[in-house]
Amino acid sequence: MTDAPIELFEFKVSGAALATYTYTSSEQDYVGSEPGGNEYTWSAIPIGRSSIQTNGSVVRDNIKISFAIDNPLIQEFLKVTPDYLILLTVYTVRPSGT
């Protein structure tokens, strides 16, 4: 078993239907806790992203995420254009938990 880093994507959707969607670009689902202590299963799906740039300020930068159109999160966007906040956190972890 390799201990190569994997990425976890956590989408927190505000608005009328508060929801959290958790995905990993790994080939297997990943079960773990976010820093706040909530336990999630990050579902393994084909997912891609643009490079992440940091500029040293509190202001966040843009990132492009791509995944299949049949994904439940994308299906929500197809129903209505969101006018609420979607917070994306990208974690990098090792399967060993480090």
C-alpha atoms as a PDB file:
ATOM      1  CA  MET A   1       0.000   0.000   0.000  1.00  0.00           C
ATOM      2  CA  THR A   2       1.366   3.383  -0.979  1.00  0.00           C
ATOM      3  CA  ASP A   3       1.309   6.378   1.327  1.00  0.00           C
ATOM      4  CA  ALA A   4       1.315   8.931  -1.485  1.00  0.00           C
ATOM      5  CA  PRO A   5      -0.639  12.121  -0.710  1.00  0.00           C
ATOM      6  CA  ILE A   6      -4.261  12.295  -1.815  1.00  0.00           C
ATOM      7  CA  GLU A   7      -6.545  15.284  -2.123  1.00  0.00           C
ATOM      8  CA  LEU A   8      -9.871  15.687  -0.386  1.00  0.00           C
ATOM      9  CA  PHE A   9     -12.420  18.195  -1.650  1.00  0.00           C
ATOM     10  CA  GLU A  10     -15.063  19.475   0.755  1.00  0.00           C
ATOM     11  CA  PHE A  11     -17.871  21.603  -0.686  1.00  0.00           C
ATOM     12  CA  LYS A  12     -20.070  23.340   1.896  1.00  0.00           C
ATOM     13  CA  VAL A  13     -23.186  24.760   0.319  1.00  0.00           C
ATOM     14  CA  SER A  14     -25.141  27.452   2.148  1.00  0.00           C
ATOM     15  CA  GLY A  15     -28.618  28.709   1.301  1.00  0.00           C
ATOM     16  CA  ALA A  16     -31.949  27.005   1.835  1.00  0.00           C
ATOM     17  CA  ALA A  17     -30.496  23.498   1.580  1.00  0.00           C
ATOM     18  CA  LEU A  18     -27.369  23.395   3.725  1.00  0.00           C
ATOM     19  CA  ALA A  19     -25.287  20.507   2.491  1.00  0.00           C
ATOM     20  CA  THR A  20     -21.746  19.187   2.537  1.00  0.00           C
ATOM     21  CA  TYR A  21     -20.358  17.211  -0.386  1.00  0.00           C
ATOM     22  CA  THR A  22     -17.051  15.392   0.096  1.00  0.00           C
ATOM     23  CA  TYR A  23     -14.981  13.869  -2.700  1.00  0.00           C
ATOM     24  CA  THR A  24     -11.490  12.538  -3.250  1.00  0.00           C
ATOM     25  CA  SER A  25      -9.455  12.189  -6.411  1.00  0.00           C
ATOM     26  CA  SER A  26      -8.060   8.957  -4.942  1.00  0.00           C
ATOM     27  CA  GLU A  27      -9.022   5.623  -6.466  1.00  0.00           C
ATOM     28  CA  GLN A  28     -10.692   4.572  -3.190  1.00  0.00           C
ATOM     29  CA  ASP A  29     -13.096   6.268  -0.799  1.00  0.00           C
ATOM     30  CA  TYR A  30     -11.378   7.926   2.156  1.00  0.00           C
ATOM     31  CA  VAL A  31     -12.853   8.021   5.676  1.00  0.00           C
ATOM     32  CA  GLY A  32     -11.513  10.611   8.070  1.00  0.00           C
ATOM     33  CA  SER A  33     -12.256  13.707  10.114  1.00  0.00           C
ATOM     34  CA  GLU A  34     -11.998  17.335   9.195  1.00  0.00           C
ATOM     35  CA  PRO A  35     -10.055  19.570  11.586  1.00  0.00           C
ATOM     36  CA  GLY A  36     -13.359  20.483  13.308  1.00  0.00           C
ATOM     37  CA  GLY A  37     -13.878  16.844  14.250  1.00  0.00           C
ATOM     38  CA  ASN A  38     -16.779  15.912  11.954  1.00  0.00           C
ATOM     39  CA  GLU A  39     -16.238  12.524  10.337  1.00  0.00           C
ATOM     40  CA  TYR A  40     -16.889  12.185   6.614  1.00  0.00           C
ATOM     41  CA  THR A  41     -16.469   9.677   3.841  1.00  0.00           C
ATOM     42  CA  TRP A  42     -14.883  11.334   0.838  1.00  0.00           C
ATOM     43  CA  SER A  43     -16.270   9.538  -2.224  1.00  0.00           C
ATOM     44  CA  ALA A  44     -13.750   8.549  -4.881  1.00  0.00           C
ATOM     45  CA  ILE A  45     -14.688  10.178  -8.190  1.00  0.00           C
ATOM     46  CA  PRO A  46     -12.776  11.408 -11.210  1.00  0.00           C
ATOM     47  CA  ILE A  47     -12.120  15.037 -10.264  1.00  0.00           C
ATOM     48  CA  GLY A  48      -9.642  17.594 -11.509  1.00  0.00           C
ATOM     49  CA  ARG A  49      -8.578  21.058 -10.499  1.00  0.00           C
ATOM     50  CA  SER A  50      -6.470  23.933 -11.680  1.00  0.00           C
ATOM     51  CA  SER A  51      -3.337  24.846  -9.772  1.00  0.00           C
ATOM     52  CA  ILE A  52      -3.757  26.456  -6.379  1.00  0.00           C
ATOM     53  CA  GLN A  53      -2.007  29.769  -5.956  1.00  0.00           C
ATOM     54  CA  THR A  54      -1.411  31.485  -2.663  1.00  0.00           C
ATOM     55  CA  ASN A  55      -0.669  35.157  -2.428  1.00  0.00           C
ATOM     56  CA  GLY A  56      -0.045  35.443   1.319  1.00  0.00           C
ATOM     57  CA  SER A  57      -3.244  37.365   2.045  1.00  0.00           C
ATOM     58  CA  VAL A  58      -6.541  36.334   3.585  1.00  0.00           C
ATOM     59  CA  VAL A  59      -8.285  36.832   0.243  1.00  0.00           C
ATOM     60  CA  ARG A  60      -8.785  33.550  -1.563  1.00  0.00           C
ATOM     61  CA  ASP A  61      -7.927  32.931  -5.194  1.00  0.00           C
ATOM     62  CA  ASN A  62      -9.916  31.301  -7.996  1.00  0.00           C
ATOM     63  CA  ILE A  63      -9.737  27.584  -8.666  1.00  0.00           C
ATOM     64  CA  LYS A  64     -11.394  25.572 -11.424  1.00  0.00           C
ATOM     65  CA  ILE A  65     -12.843  22.188 -10.475  1.00  0.00           C
ATOM     66  CA  SER A  66     -14.052  19.664 -13.032  1.00  0.00           C
ATOM     67  CA  PHE A  67     -15.990  16.445 -12.607  1.00  0.00           C
ATOM     68  CA  ALA A  68     -18.736  14.415 -14.272  1.00  0.00           C
ATOM     69  CA  ILE A  69     -22.050  16.041 -15.099  1.00  0.00           C
ATOM     70  CA  ASP A  70     -23.985  13.284 -13.306  1.00  0.00           C
ATOM     71  CA  ASN A  71     -22.454  14.269  -9.938  1.00  0.00           C
ATOM     72  CA  PRO A  72     -25.117  15.257  -7.316  1.00  0.00           C
ATOM     73  CA  LEU A  73     -23.488  18.665  -6.702  1.00  0.00           C
ATOM     74  CA  ILE A  74     -23.504  19.481 -10.419  1.00  0.00           C
ATOM     75  CA  GLN A  75     -27.103  18.265 -10.669  1.00  0.00           C
ATOM     76  CA  GLU A  76     -28.042  20.879  -8.059  1.00  0.00           C
ATOM     77  CA  PHE A  77     -26.443  23.598 -10.215  1.00  0.00           C
ATOM     78  CA  LEU A  78     -28.324  22.413 -13.287  1.00  0.00           C
ATOM     79  CA  LYS A  79     -31.652  22.914 -11.498  1.00  0.00           C
ATOM     80  CA  VAL A  80     -31.002  26.541 -10.601  1.00  0.00           C
ATOM     81  CA  THR A  81     -28.117  28.979 -10.749  1.00  0.00           C
ATOM     82  CA  PRO A  82     -26.869  29.235  -7.168  1.00  0.00           C
ATOM     83  CA  ASP A  83     -27.118  32.632  -5.523  1.00  0.00           C
ATOM     84  CA  TYR A  84     -25.564  31.447  -2.288  1.00  0.00           C
ATOM     85  CA  LEU A  85     -22.097  30.804  -0.971  1.00  0.00           C
ATOM     86  CA  ILE A  86     -20.223  27.599  -1.766  1.00  0.00           C
ATOM     87  CA  LEU A  87     -17.090  27.131   0.298  1.00  0.00           C
ATOM     88  CA  LEU A  88     -14.474  24.743  -1.060  1.00  0.00           C
ATOM     89  CA  THR A  89     -11.684  23.410   1.141  1.00  0.00           C
ATOM     90  CA  VAL A  90      -8.986  21.229  -0.411  1.00  0.00           C
ATOM     91  CA  TYR A  91      -7.093  19.006   2.028  1.00  0.00           C
ATOM     92  CA  THR A  92      -3.952  17.060   1.199  1.00  0.00           C
ATOM     93  CA  VAL A  93      -3.479  13.988   3.392  1.00  0.00           C
ATOM     94  CA  ARG A  94      -1.633  10.724   3.433  1.00  0.00           C
ATOM     95  CA  PRO A  95      -3.631   7.499   3.904  1.00  0.00           C
ATOM     96  CA  SER A  96      -1.518   6.779   7.002  1.00  0.00           C
ATOM     97  CA  GLY A  97      -3.161   9.807   8.604  1.00  0.00           C
ATOM     98  CA  THR A  98      -0.188  12.180   8.566  1.00  0.00           C
END
